[in-house]
């Protein structure tokens, strides 16, 4: 009986000790919370009592970290600028201005997250030559000077599909404008021809930087229109007289069907005996675009694959302008 009473006193003493320790911990946590709240309150008082300068300067940083770019003459230059800006710092917004027809006006607004990033970007981008003959200027954006011009593209912006058609037509006009209209290169056709970016850049140099073009290399590689079929060259021997056996054809078809199924549903895989080209037809255009990006330049055995859209099966009924843009960029 006495031992039981002793054990009970020990347990009671331990219980009170634990309760006291918990109370002390709770008091410590409450004190930390109060100190944190007091520090936040003091900081808020310093910001507000320091004159509208503190709050105004912070607001200014949030709204004036924009860079105004001029000299963008081609759509490819715009894409290169966007990629470069994302490498220079955290970009909150990129806007390329267009006219009423949807053509590029040549200027852009890039908004960075901080003023320091904006200043670093201006130092890197000002008078930078993005492409041969395409030199840009970069200045801090002054929203008070051009309020109407900055708001006009948002109000009167044409539909997205018109924008895509417009910049493709612009590339076509610039290229043929540099070559001059001939009987074999009609101007004003409904479907503009896709041309490599190097030809586009060489076709439209600023008159103050480059002399007139006296000789232009003929265009040998005209880009095909987007297609759900992708032609893969270099997988088989290009000499049709050294064609593999039918069993080897089946092995190649099975391997490619398995590999290309990673990009989407494959409808069929065909081998053209006359050229030993492999044609992979997909159910959707976006799958063909993914295949073209991934397969072009890859090595198969000891040969490098050259991938392109099948010109015999162009995709004409595409309602998604973004998908058409991705297809065009993949084929550049």
C-alpha atoms as a PDB file:
ATOM      1  CA  UNK A   1       0.000   0.000   0.000  1.00  0.00           C
ATOM      2  CA  UNK A   2       2.811   2.386   0.895  1.00  0.00           C
ATOM      3  CA  UNK A   3       4.722   1.519  -2.271  1.00  0.00           C
ATOM      4  CA  UNK A   4       1.617   2.302  -4.320  1.00  0.00           C
ATOM      5  CA  UNK A   5       1.354   5.762  -2.721  1.00  0.00           C
ATOM      6  CA  UNK A   6       5.026   6.438  -3.438  1.00  0.00           C
ATOM      7  CA  UNK A   7       4.564   5.462  -7.104  1.00  0.00           C
ATOM      8  CA  UNK A   8       1.511   7.723  -7.354  1.00  0.00           C
ATOM      9  CA  UNK A   9       3.466  10.696  -5.991  1.00  0.00           C
ATOM     10  CA  UNK A  10       6.252  10.056  -8.498  1.00  0.00           C
ATOM     11  CA  UNK A  11       3.758   9.947 -11.370  1.00  0.00           C
ATOM     12  CA  UNK A  12       2.048  13.124 -10.169  1.00  0.00           C
ATOM     13  CA  UNK A  13       5.380  14.915  -9.914  1.00  0.00           C
ATOM     14  CA  UNK A  14       6.319  13.833 -13.459  1.00  0.00           C
ATOM     15  CA  UNK A  15       2.931  14.942 -14.746  1.00  0.00           C
ATOM     16  CA  UNK A  16       3.331  18.420 -13.219  1.00  0.00           C
ATOM     17  CA  UNK A  17       6.871  18.665 -14.619  1.00  0.00           C
ATOM     18  CA  UNK A  18       5.679  17.869 -18.124  1.00  0.00           C
ATOM     19  CA  UNK A  19       2.824  20.361 -17.851  1.00  0.00           C
ATOM     20  CA  UNK A  20       5.223  23.070 -16.694  1.00  0.00           C
ATOM     21  CA  UNK A  21       7.562  22.331 -19.598  1.00  0.00           C
ATOM     22  CA  UNK A  22       4.680  22.525 -22.066  1.00  0.00           C
ATOM     23  CA  UNK A  23       3.537  25.835 -20.605  1.00  0.00           C
ATOM     24  CA  UNK A  24       7.060  27.210 -20.968  1.00  0.00           C
ATOM     25  CA  UNK A  25       7.234  26.055 -24.592  1.00  0.00           C
ATOM     26  CA  UNK A  26       3.870  27.627 -25.380  1.00  0.00           C
ATOM     27  CA  UNK A  27       4.995  30.898 -23.812  1.00  0.00           C
ATOM     28  CA  UNK A  28       8.164  30.832 -25.933  1.00  0.00           C
ATOM     29  CA  UNK A  29       6.170  30.235 -29.117  1.00  0.00           C
ATOM     30  CA  UNK A  30       3.749  33.029 -28.231  1.00  0.00           C
ATOM     31  CA  UNK A  31       6.662  35.389 -27.640  1.00  0.00           C
ATOM     32  CA  UNK A  32       8.156  34.541 -31.040  1.00  0.00           C
ATOM     33  CA  UNK A  33       4.804  35.172 -32.724  1.00  0.00           C
ATOM     34  CA  UNK A  34       4.445  38.538 -30.982  1.00  0.00           C
ATOM     35  CA  UNK A  35       7.987  39.561 -31.935  1.00  0.00           C
ATOM     36  CA  UNK A  36       7.344  38.593 -35.557  1.00  0.00           C
ATOM     37  CA  UNK A  37       4.110  40.577 -35.638  1.00  0.00           C
ATOM     38  CA  UNK A  38       5.825  43.580 -34.050  1.00  0.00           C
ATOM     39  CA  UNK A  39       8.636  43.434 -36.612  1.00  0.00           C
ATOM     40  CA  UNK A  40       6.156  43.344 -39.484  1.00  0.00           C
ATOM     41  CA  UNK A  41       4.231  46.245 -37.989  1.00  0.00           C
ATOM     42  CA  UNK A  42       7.420  48.315 -37.590  1.00  0.00           C
ATOM     43  CA  UNK A  43       8.419  47.585 -41.181  1.00  0.00           C
ATOM     44  CA  UNK A  44       4.996  48.647 -42.410  1.00  0.00           C
ATOM     45  CA  UNK A  45       5.229  51.858 -40.388  1.00  0.00           C
ATOM     46  CA  UNK A  46       8.667  52.625 -41.866  1.00  0.00           C
ATOM     47  CA  UNK A  47       7.343  52.138 -45.393  1.00  0.00           C
ATOM     48  CA  UNK A  48       4.311  54.348 -44.877  1.00  0.00           C
ATOM     49  CA  UNK A  49       6.040  57.021 -42.783  1.00  0.00           C
ATOM     50  CA  UNK A  50       9.003  57.283 -45.133  1.00  0.00           C
ATOM     51  CA  UNK A  51       6.812  59.289 -47.547  1.00  0.00           C
ATOM     52  CA  UNK A  52       5.067  57.920 -50.596  1.00  0.00           C
ATOM     53  CA  UNK A  53       8.568  57.393 -51.869  1.00  0.00           C
ATOM     54  CA  UNK A  54       8.896  53.879 -50.449  1.00  0.00           C
ATOM     55  CA  UNK A  55       5.620  52.521 -51.715  1.00  0.00           C
ATOM     56  CA  UNK A  56       5.885  54.508 -54.932  1.00  0.00           C
ATOM     57  CA  UNK A  57       9.378  53.230 -55.692  1.00  0.00           C
ATOM     58  CA  UNK A  58       8.304  49.657 -55.127  1.00  0.00           C
ATOM     59  CA  UNK A  59       5.340  50.161 -57.421  1.00  0.00           C
ATOM     60  CA  UNK A  60       7.662  51.726 -59.956  1.00  0.00           C
ATOM     61  CA  UNK A  61       9.907  48.672 -59.910  1.00  0.00           C
ATOM     62  CA  UNK A  62       6.961  46.459 -60.608  1.00  0.00           C
ATOM     63  CA  UNK A  63       5.706  48.539 -63.536  1.00  0.00           C
ATOM     64  CA  UNK A  64       8.875  49.917 -65.160  1.00  0.00           C
ATOM     65  CA  UNK A  65      11.044  46.839 -65.673  1.00  0.00           C
ATOM     66  CA  UNK A  66      10.203  46.748 -69.375  1.00  0.00           C
ATOM     67  CA  UNK A  67      12.616  46.873 -72.319  1.00  0.00           C
ATOM     68  CA  UNK A  68      11.496  48.386 -75.625  1.00  0.00           C
ATOM     69  CA  UNK A  69      13.090  46.623 -78.617  1.00  0.00           C
ATOM     70  CA  UNK A  70      13.228  47.918 -82.201  1.00  0.00           C
ATOM     71  CA  UNK A  71      14.711  46.551 -85.417  1.00  0.00           C
ATOM     72  CA  UNK A  72      12.983  43.143 -85.517  1.00  0.00           C
ATOM     73  CA  UNK A  73      12.520  42.619 -89.256  1.00  0.00           C
ATOM     74  CA  UNK A  74      11.654  38.909 -89.375  1.00  0.00           C
ATOM     75  CA  UNK A  75       9.596  36.480 -87.349  1.00  0.00           C
ATOM     76  CA  UNK A  76      12.657  34.260 -86.843  1.00  0.00           C
ATOM     77  CA  UNK A  77      14.445  37.228 -85.252  1.00  0.00           C
ATOM     78  CA  UNK A  78      11.484  37.642 -82.880  1.00  0.00           C
ATOM     79  CA  UNK A  79      11.718  34.010 -81.775  1.00  0.00           C
ATOM     80  CA  UNK A  80      15.476  34.340 -81.264  1.00  0.00           C
ATOM     81  CA  UNK A  81      14.936  37.475 -79.173  1.00  0.00           C
ATOM     82  CA  UNK A  82      12.356  35.713 -76.999  1.00  0.00           C
ATOM     83  CA  UNK A  83      14.716  32.788 -76.364  1.00  0.00           C
ATOM     84  CA  UNK A  84      17.601  35.141 -75.579  1.00  0.00           C
ATOM     85  CA  UNK A  85      15.544  37.205 -73.118  1.00  0.00           C
ATOM     86  CA  UNK A  86      14.552  34.094 -71.173  1.00  0.00           C
ATOM     87  CA  UNK A  87      18.260  33.330 -70.790  1.00  0.00           C
ATOM     88  CA  UNK A  88      19.053  36.845 -69.560  1.00  0.00           C
ATOM     89  CA  UNK A  89      16.561  36.769 -66.681  1.00  0.00           C
ATOM     90  CA  UNK A  90      13.073  35.993 -65.523  1.00  0.00           C
ATOM     91  CA  UNK A  91      10.639  37.305 -68.126  1.00  0.00           C
ATOM     92  CA  UNK A  92       7.090  38.187 -67.098  1.00  0.00           C
ATOM     93  CA  UNK A  93       5.790  39.140 -70.530  1.00  0.00           C
ATOM     94  CA  UNK A  94       6.876  39.383 -74.182  1.00  0.00           C
ATOM     95  CA  UNK A  95       4.783  41.306 -76.692  1.00  0.00           C
ATOM     96  CA  UNK A  96       5.474  41.802 -80.407  1.00  0.00           C
ATOM     97  CA  UNK A  97       3.563  44.698 -81.948  1.00  0.00           C
ATOM     98  CA  UNK A  98       1.690  44.200 -85.226  1.00  0.00           C
ATOM     99  CA  UNK A  99      -0.156  46.482 -87.599  1.00  0.00           C
ATOM    100  CA  UNK A 100      -3.783  46.293 -88.735  1.00  0.00           C
ATOM    101  CA  UNK A 101      -2.974  43.522 -91.242  1.00  0.00           C
ATOM    102  CA  UNK A 102      -1.253  41.410 -88.613  1.00  0.00           C
ATOM    103  CA  UNK A 103       2.259  41.976 -89.977  1.00  0.00           C
ATOM    104  CA  UNK A 104       5.144  42.592 -87.623  1.00  0.00           C
ATOM    105  CA  UNK A 105       5.876  46.277 -87.004  1.00  0.00           C
ATOM    106  CA  UNK A 106       9.437  45.551 -85.913  1.00  0.00           C
ATOM    107  CA  UNK A 107       9.203  46.518 -82.242  1.00  0.00           C
ATOM    108  CA  UNK A 108       8.543  44.558 -79.069  1.00  0.00           C
ATOM    109  CA  UNK A 109       8.109  44.974 -75.325  1.00  0.00           C
ATOM    110  CA  UNK A 110       9.870  42.591 -72.926  1.00  0.00           C
ATOM    111  CA  UNK A 111       8.959  42.928 -69.233  1.00  0.00           C
ATOM    112  CA  UNK A 112      11.419  41.477 -66.727  1.00  0.00           C
ATOM    113  CA  UNK A 113      10.685  40.710 -63.091  1.00  0.00           C
ATOM    114  CA  UNK A 114      13.223  43.196 -61.666  1.00  0.00           C
ATOM    115  CA  UNK A 115      14.865  46.441 -62.730  1.00  0.00           C
ATOM    116  CA  UNK A 116      18.309  44.859 -62.322  1.00  0.00           C
ATOM    117  CA  UNK A 117      17.417  42.213 -64.903  1.00  0.00           C
ATOM    118  CA  UNK A 118      16.080  44.957 -67.174  1.00  0.00           C
ATOM    119  CA  UNK A 119      19.346  46.932 -66.985  1.00  0.00           C
ATOM    120  CA  UNK A 120      21.423  43.816 -67.637  1.00  0.00           C
ATOM    121  CA  UNK A 121      19.241  42.941 -70.632  1.00  0.00           C
ATOM    122  CA  UNK A 122      19.583  46.453 -72.098  1.00  0.00           C
ATOM    123  CA  UNK A 123      23.372  46.251 -71.769  1.00  0.00           C
ATOM    124  CA  UNK A 124      23.387  42.928 -73.625  1.00  0.00           C
ATOM    125  CA  UNK A 125      20.745  43.640 -76.275  1.00  0.00           C
ATOM    126  CA  UNK A 126      21.431  47.249 -77.310  1.00  0.00           C
ATOM    127  CA  UNK A 127      22.964  47.314 -80.828  1.00  0.00           C
ATOM    128  CA  UNK A 128      23.049  43.500 -80.849  1.00  0.00           C
ATOM    129  CA  UNK A 129      23.088  41.795 -84.259  1.00  0.00           C
ATOM    130  CA  UNK A 130      20.631  38.914 -83.859  1.00  0.00           C
ATOM    131  CA  UNK A 131      21.125  37.693 -87.409  1.00  0.00           C
ATOM    132  CA  UNK A 132      23.235  38.920 -90.320  1.00  0.00           C
ATOM    133  CA  UNK A 133      21.717  42.278 -91.214  1.00  0.00           C
ATOM    134  CA  UNK A 134      19.266  42.320 -88.279  1.00  0.00           C
ATOM    135  CA  UNK A 135      20.545  44.742 -85.625  1.00  0.00           C
ATOM    136  CA  UNK A 136      18.253  45.704 -82.737  1.00  0.00           C
ATOM    137  CA  UNK A 137      18.134  48.541 -80.231  1.00  0.00           C
ATOM    138  CA  UNK A 138      17.074  48.162 -76.595  1.00  0.00           C
ATOM    139  CA  UNK A 139      15.953  50.965 -74.287  1.00  0.00           C
ATOM    140  CA  UNK A 140      14.015  51.199 -71.042  1.00  0.00           C
ATOM    141  CA  UNK A 141      10.298  51.299 -71.811  1.00  0.00           C
ATOM    142  CA  UNK A 142       8.678  54.676 -71.127  1.00  0.00           C
ATOM    143  CA  UNK A 143       4.957  54.060 -70.802  1.00  0.00           C
ATOM    144  CA  UNK A 144       4.126  57.766 -70.560  1.00  0.00           C
ATOM    145  CA  UNK A 145       5.310  58.496 -74.101  1.00  0.00           C
ATOM    146  CA  UNK A 146       3.305  55.938 -76.061  1.00  0.00           C
ATOM    147  CA  UNK A 147       0.166  54.994 -74.121  1.00  0.00           C
ATOM    148  CA  UNK A 148      -2.022  54.762 -77.215  1.00  0.00           C
ATOM    149  CA  UNK A 149       0.501  52.825 -79.276  1.00  0.00           C
ATOM    150  CA  UNK A 150       0.931  50.224 -76.561  1.00  0.00           C
ATOM    151  CA  UNK A 151      -2.823  49.740 -76.172  1.00  0.00           C
ATOM    152  CA  UNK A 152      -3.701  49.726 -79.867  1.00  0.00           C
ATOM    153  CA  UNK A 153      -2.423  46.220 -80.688  1.00  0.00           C
ATOM    154  CA  UNK A 154      -4.555  44.743 -77.887  1.00  0.00           C
ATOM    155  CA  UNK A 155      -7.731  46.451 -79.081  1.00  0.00           C
ATOM    156  CA  UNK A 156      -7.345  45.936 -82.807  1.00  0.00           C
ATOM    157  CA  UNK A 157      -5.429  42.667 -82.820  1.00  0.00           C
ATOM    158  CA  UNK A 158      -6.596  40.391 -85.653  1.00  0.00           C
ATOM    159  CA  UNK A 159      -7.506  36.746 -85.043  1.00  0.00           C
ATOM    160  CA  UNK A 160      -4.614  34.430 -84.356  1.00  0.00           C
ATOM    161  CA  UNK A 161      -4.976  32.480 -87.585  1.00  0.00           C
ATOM    162  CA  UNK A 162      -4.726  35.741 -89.535  1.00  0.00           C
ATOM    163  CA  UNK A 163      -1.516  36.543 -87.669  1.00  0.00           C
ATOM    164  CA  UNK A 164       0.031  33.247 -88.709  1.00  0.00           C
ATOM    165  CA  UNK A 165      -0.944  33.763 -92.347  1.00  0.00           C
ATOM    166  CA  UNK A 166       0.322  37.333 -92.183  1.00  0.00           C
ATOM    167  CA  UNK A 167       3.805  36.548 -90.934  1.00  0.00           C
ATOM    168  CA  UNK A 168       4.152  33.690 -93.428  1.00  0.00           C
ATOM    169  CA  UNK A 169       3.145  36.102 -96.177  1.00  0.00           C
ATOM    170  CA  UNK A 170       5.652  38.601 -94.781  1.00  0.00           C
ATOM    171  CA  UNK A 171       8.479  36.073 -95.012  1.00  0.00           C
ATOM    172  CA  UNK A 172       7.408  35.281 -98.565  1.00  0.00           C
ATOM    173  CA  UNK A 173       7.311  38.975 -99.533  1.00  0.00           C
ATOM    174  CA  UNK A 174      10.684  39.718 -97.968  1.00  0.00           C
ATOM    175  CA  UNK A 175      12.377  36.825 -99.693  1.00  0.00           C
ATOM    176  CA  UNK A 176      10.950  37.508-103.137  1.00  0.00           C
ATOM    177  CA  UNK A 177      11.430  41.228-102.616  1.00  0.00           C
ATOM    178  CA  UNK A 178      15.160  40.601-102.277  1.00  0.00           C
ATOM    179  CA  UNK A 179      15.258  38.355-105.329  1.00  0.00           C
ATOM    180  CA  UNK A 180      12.954  40.402-107.509  1.00  0.00           C
ATOM    181  CA  UNK A 181       9.747  39.093-109.063  1.00  0.00           C
ATOM    182  CA  UNK A 182      10.230  36.627-111.863  1.00  0.00           C
ATOM    183  CA  UNK A 183       7.993  34.386-113.845  1.00  0.00           C
ATOM    184  CA  UNK A 184       8.999  31.407-111.718  1.00  0.00           C
ATOM    185  CA  UNK A 185       8.413  33.248-108.425  1.00  0.00           C
ATOM    186  CA  UNK A 186       4.939  34.791-108.564  1.00  0.00           C
ATOM    187  CA  UNK A 187       4.116  37.416-105.956  1.00  0.00           C
ATOM    188  CA  UNK A 188       0.769  37.461-104.201  1.00  0.00           C
ATOM    189  CA  UNK A 189       0.057  33.757-104.246  1.00  0.00           C
ATOM    190  CA  UNK A 190      -2.410  32.517-101.652  1.00  0.00           C
ATOM    191  CA  UNK A 191      -0.021  30.028-100.017  1.00  0.00           C
ATOM    192  CA  UNK A 192       3.413  31.544 -99.282  1.00  0.00           C
ATOM    193  CA  UNK A 193       6.449  29.357 -99.874  1.00  0.00           C
ATOM    194  CA  UNK A 194       8.426  28.336 -96.800  1.00  0.00           C
ATOM    195  CA  UNK A 195      12.085  29.331 -97.056  1.00  0.00           C
ATOM    196  CA  UNK A 196      15.036  28.705 -94.719  1.00  0.00           C
ATOM    197  CA  UNK A 197      15.712  31.322 -92.080  1.00  0.00           C
ATOM    198  CA  UNK A 198      19.183  31.999 -93.463  1.00  0.00           C
ATOM    199  CA  UNK A 199      17.642  33.028 -96.778  1.00  0.00           C
ATOM    200  CA  UNK A 200      15.113  35.248 -95.003  1.00  0.00           C
ATOM    201  CA  UNK A 201      17.813  37.046 -93.061  1.00  0.00           C
ATOM    202  CA  UNK A 202      19.963  37.537 -96.157  1.00  0.00           C
ATOM    203  CA  UNK A 203      17.027  38.842 -98.136  1.00  0.00           C
ATOM    204  CA  UNK A 204      16.172  41.832 -95.962  1.00  0.00           C
ATOM    205  CA  UNK A 205      19.277  43.656 -94.682  1.00  0.00           C
ATOM    206  CA  UNK A 206      18.868  47.270 -93.600  1.00  0.00           C
ATOM    207  CA  UNK A 207      20.004  49.589 -96.402  1.00  0.00           C
ATOM    208  CA  UNK A 208      22.286  51.503 -94.032  1.00  0.00           C
ATOM    209  CA  UNK A 209      24.251  48.414 -93.001  1.00  0.00           C
ATOM    210  CA  UNK A 210      24.617  46.268 -96.096  1.00  0.00           C
ATOM    211  CA  UNK A 211      25.144  47.011 -99.802  1.00  0.00           C
ATOM    212  CA  UNK A 212      22.528  45.909-102.330  1.00  0.00           C
ATOM    213  CA  UNK A 213      22.516  42.208-103.036  1.00  0.00           C
ATOM    214  CA  UNK A 214      24.051  41.571-106.419  1.00  0.00           C
ATOM    215  CA  UNK A 215      23.980  37.808-106.401  1.00  0.00           C
ATOM    216  CA  UNK A 216      21.665  35.458-104.556  1.00  0.00           C
ATOM    217  CA  UNK A 217      22.201  31.746-104.309  1.00  0.00           C
ATOM    218  CA  UNK A 218      19.285  29.727-105.697  1.00  0.00           C
ATOM    219  CA  UNK A 219      16.949  28.203-103.170  1.00  0.00           C
ATOM    220  CA  UNK A 220      17.487  24.467-103.205  1.00  0.00           C
ATOM    221  CA  UNK A 221      15.696  23.403-100.033  1.00  0.00           C
ATOM    222  CA  UNK A 222      12.177  24.775 -99.984  1.00  0.00           C
ATOM    223  CA  UNK A 223      10.395  23.745 -96.795  1.00  0.00           C
ATOM    224  CA  UNK A 224       7.429  21.449 -97.236  1.00  0.00           C
ATOM    225  CA  UNK A 225       3.970  22.250 -96.004  1.00  0.00           C
ATOM    226  CA  UNK A 226       2.951  20.580 -92.723  1.00  0.00           C
ATOM    227  CA  UNK A 227       1.814  16.991 -93.111  1.00  0.00           C
ATOM    228  CA  UNK A 228       0.755  14.096 -90.912  1.00  0.00           C
ATOM    229  CA  UNK A 229       3.319  11.995 -92.805  1.00  0.00           C
ATOM    230  CA  UNK A 230       7.035  12.314 -92.047  1.00  0.00           C
ATOM    231  CA  UNK A 231       9.708  11.183 -94.526  1.00  0.00           C
ATOM    232  CA  UNK A 232      12.839   9.706 -92.913  1.00  0.00           C
ATOM    233  CA  UNK A 233      15.927   9.554 -95.125  1.00  0.00           C
ATOM    234  CA  UNK A 234      19.210   7.902 -94.253  1.00  0.00           C
ATOM    235  CA  UNK A 235      17.787   4.905 -92.417  1.00  0.00           C
ATOM    236  CA  UNK A 236      18.214   2.582 -95.396  1.00  0.00           C
ATOM    237  CA  UNK A 237      20.869   2.657 -98.093  1.00  0.00           C
ATOM    238  CA  UNK A 238      19.863   5.406-100.504  1.00  0.00           C
ATOM    239  CA  UNK A 239      20.928   3.311-103.483  1.00  0.00           C
ATOM    240  CA  UNK A 240      17.769   1.417-104.533  1.00  0.00           C
ATOM    241  CA  UNK A 241      19.912  -1.197-106.311  1.00  0.00           C
ATOM    242  CA  UNK A 242      21.310  -2.250-102.938  1.00  0.00           C
ATOM    243  CA  UNK A 243      17.919  -2.632-101.290  1.00  0.00           C
ATOM    244  CA  UNK A 244      17.743  -4.994 -98.317  1.00  0.00           C
ATOM    245  CA  UNK A 245      15.725  -8.155 -98.266  1.00  0.00           C
ATOM    246  CA  UNK A 246      12.021  -8.152 -97.443  1.00  0.00           C
ATOM    247  CA  UNK A 247      12.704  -9.531 -93.957  1.00  0.00           C
ATOM    248  CA  UNK A 248      15.011  -6.610 -93.266  1.00  0.00           C
ATOM    249  CA  UNK A 249      12.288  -4.257 -94.491  1.00  0.00           C
ATOM    250  CA  UNK A 250       9.900  -5.765 -91.961  1.00  0.00           C
ATOM    251  CA  UNK A 251      12.443  -5.381 -89.162  1.00  0.00           C
ATOM    252  CA  UNK A 252      12.958  -1.712 -90.003  1.00  0.00           C
ATOM    253  CA  UNK A 253       9.205  -1.112 -90.181  1.00  0.00           C
ATOM    254  CA  UNK A 254       8.618  -2.787 -86.824  1.00  0.00           C
ATOM    255  CA  UNK A 255      11.455  -0.877 -85.144  1.00  0.00           C
ATOM    256  CA  UNK A 256      10.270   2.468 -86.475  1.00  0.00           C
ATOM    257  CA  UNK A 257       6.639   1.773 -85.618  1.00  0.00           C
ATOM    258  CA  UNK A 258       7.684   1.029 -82.039  1.00  0.00           C
ATOM    259  CA  UNK A 259       9.948   4.089 -81.821  1.00  0.00           C
ATOM    260  CA  UNK A 260       7.511   6.524 -83.447  1.00  0.00           C
ATOM    261  CA  UNK A 261       4.616   5.349 -81.298  1.00  0.00           C
ATOM    262  CA  UNK A 262       6.236   7.398 -78.524  1.00  0.00           C
ATOM    263  CA  UNK A 263       5.105  10.524 -80.390  1.00  0.00           C
ATOM    264  CA  UNK A 264       1.507   9.453 -81.038  1.00  0.00           C
ATOM    265  CA  UNK A 265      -0.698   6.961 -82.842  1.00  0.00           C
ATOM    266  CA  UNK A 266       1.026   5.588 -85.955  1.00  0.00           C
ATOM    267  CA  UNK A 267      -1.303   4.686 -88.823  1.00  0.00           C
ATOM    268  CA  UNK A 268       1.259   3.065 -91.084  1.00  0.00           C
ATOM    269  CA  UNK A 269       4.966   2.782 -91.857  1.00  0.00           C
ATOM    270  CA  UNK A 270       5.893   2.496 -95.540  1.00  0.00           C
ATOM    271  CA  UNK A 271       9.203   2.070 -97.353  1.00  0.00           C
ATOM    272  CA  UNK A 272       9.464   3.527-100.842  1.00  0.00           C
ATOM    273  CA  UNK A 273      11.472   1.021-102.905  1.00  0.00           C
ATOM    274  CA  UNK A 274      12.523   3.576-105.518  1.00  0.00           C
ATOM    275  CA  UNK A 275      14.342   5.815-103.011  1.00  0.00           C
ATOM    276  CA  UNK A 276      14.517   3.667 -99.849  1.00  0.00           C
ATOM    277  CA  UNK A 277      12.850   6.485 -97.918  1.00  0.00           C
ATOM    278  CA  UNK A 278      10.731   5.537 -94.910  1.00  0.00           C
ATOM    279  CA  UNK A 279       7.362   7.279 -94.543  1.00  0.00           C
ATOM    280  CA  UNK A 280       5.644   7.304 -91.145  1.00  0.00           C
ATOM    281  CA  UNK A 281       2.016   8.433 -91.161  1.00  0.00           C
ATOM    282  CA  UNK A 282       0.472   9.599 -87.889  1.00  0.00           C
ATOM    283  CA  UNK A 283      -3.128  10.039 -86.865  1.00  0.00           C
ATOM    284  CA  UNK A 284      -2.586  13.642 -85.705  1.00  0.00           C
ATOM    285  CA  UNK A 285      -0.452  16.504 -86.986  1.00  0.00           C
ATOM    286  CA  UNK A 286       1.018  17.306 -83.572  1.00  0.00           C
ATOM    287  CA  UNK A 287       2.420  13.765 -83.425  1.00  0.00           C
ATOM    288  CA  UNK A 288       4.108  14.300 -86.796  1.00  0.00           C
ATOM    289  CA  UNK A 289       5.591  17.583 -85.557  1.00  0.00           C
ATOM    290  CA  UNK A 290       7.000  15.864 -82.460  1.00  0.00           C
ATOM    291  CA  UNK A 291       8.443  13.077 -84.623  1.00  0.00           C
ATOM    292  CA  UNK A 292      10.093  15.571 -86.982  1.00  0.00           C
ATOM    293  CA  UNK A 293      11.728  17.436 -84.109  1.00  0.00           C
ATOM    294  CA  UNK A 294      12.999  14.284 -82.420  1.00  0.00           C
ATOM    295  CA  UNK A 295      14.121  12.245 -85.429  1.00  0.00           C
ATOM    296  CA  UNK A 296      15.840  14.900 -87.532  1.00  0.00           C
ATOM    297  CA  UNK A 297      19.584  14.702 -86.963  1.00  0.00           C
ATOM    298  CA  UNK A 298      19.506  11.448 -84.990  1.00  0.00           C
ATOM    299  CA  UNK A 299      21.874   8.619 -85.853  1.00  0.00           C
ATOM    300  CA  UNK A 300      20.539   5.274 -87.020  1.00  0.00           C
ATOM    301  CA  UNK A 301      23.358   2.766 -87.236  1.00  0.00           C
ATOM    302  CA  UNK A 302      26.149   4.776 -88.881  1.00  0.00           C
ATOM    303  CA  UNK A 303      23.889   7.098 -90.850  1.00  0.00           C
ATOM    304  CA  UNK A 304      22.281  10.363 -89.804  1.00  0.00           C
ATOM    305  CA  UNK A 305      18.533  10.680 -90.282  1.00  0.00           C
ATOM    306  CA  UNK A 306      17.103  13.566 -92.312  1.00  0.00           C
ATOM    307  CA  UNK A 307      13.436  14.116 -91.487  1.00  0.00           C
ATOM    308  CA  UNK A 308      10.930  16.279 -93.364  1.00  0.00           C
ATOM    309  CA  UNK A 309       7.205  16.528 -93.965  1.00  0.00           C
ATOM    310  CA  UNK A 310       5.846  14.483 -96.857  1.00  0.00           C
ATOM    311  CA  UNK A 311       5.193  16.994 -99.677  1.00  0.00           C
ATOM    312  CA  UNK A 312       2.820  14.574-101.399  1.00  0.00           C
ATOM    313  CA  UNK A 313       0.382  14.641 -98.456  1.00  0.00           C
ATOM    314  CA  UNK A 314       0.098  18.254 -97.254  1.00  0.00           C
ATOM    315  CA  UNK A 315      -2.219  18.973 -94.349  1.00  0.00           C
ATOM    316  CA  UNK A 316      -4.605  21.680 -95.561  1.00  0.00           C
ATOM    317  CA  UNK A 317      -7.483  21.548 -93.063  1.00  0.00           C
ATOM    318  CA  UNK A 318      -5.840  22.660 -89.820  1.00  0.00           C
ATOM    319  CA  UNK A 319      -7.912  24.956 -87.611  1.00  0.00           C
ATOM    320  CA  UNK A 320      -5.293  25.388 -84.880  1.00  0.00           C
ATOM    321  CA  UNK A 321      -2.955  28.277 -85.814  1.00  0.00           C
ATOM    322  CA  UNK A 322      -0.580  27.477 -82.949  1.00  0.00           C
ATOM    323  CA  UNK A 323      -0.127  23.962 -84.283  1.00  0.00           C
ATOM    324  CA  UNK A 324       0.593  25.329 -87.768  1.00  0.00           C
ATOM    325  CA  UNK A 325       3.173  27.646 -86.240  1.00  0.00           C
ATOM    326  CA  UNK A 326       4.839  24.754 -84.408  1.00  0.00           C
ATOM    327  CA  UNK A 327       4.924  22.750 -87.629  1.00  0.00           C
ATOM    328  CA  UNK A 328       6.548  25.641 -89.469  1.00  0.00           C
ATOM    329  CA  UNK A 329       9.189  26.171 -86.765  1.00  0.00           C
ATOM    330  CA  UNK A 330       9.959  22.441 -86.677  1.00  0.00           C
ATOM    331  CA  UNK A 331      10.637  22.449 -90.417  1.00  0.00           C
ATOM    332  CA  UNK A 332      12.911  25.530 -90.353  1.00  0.00           C
END
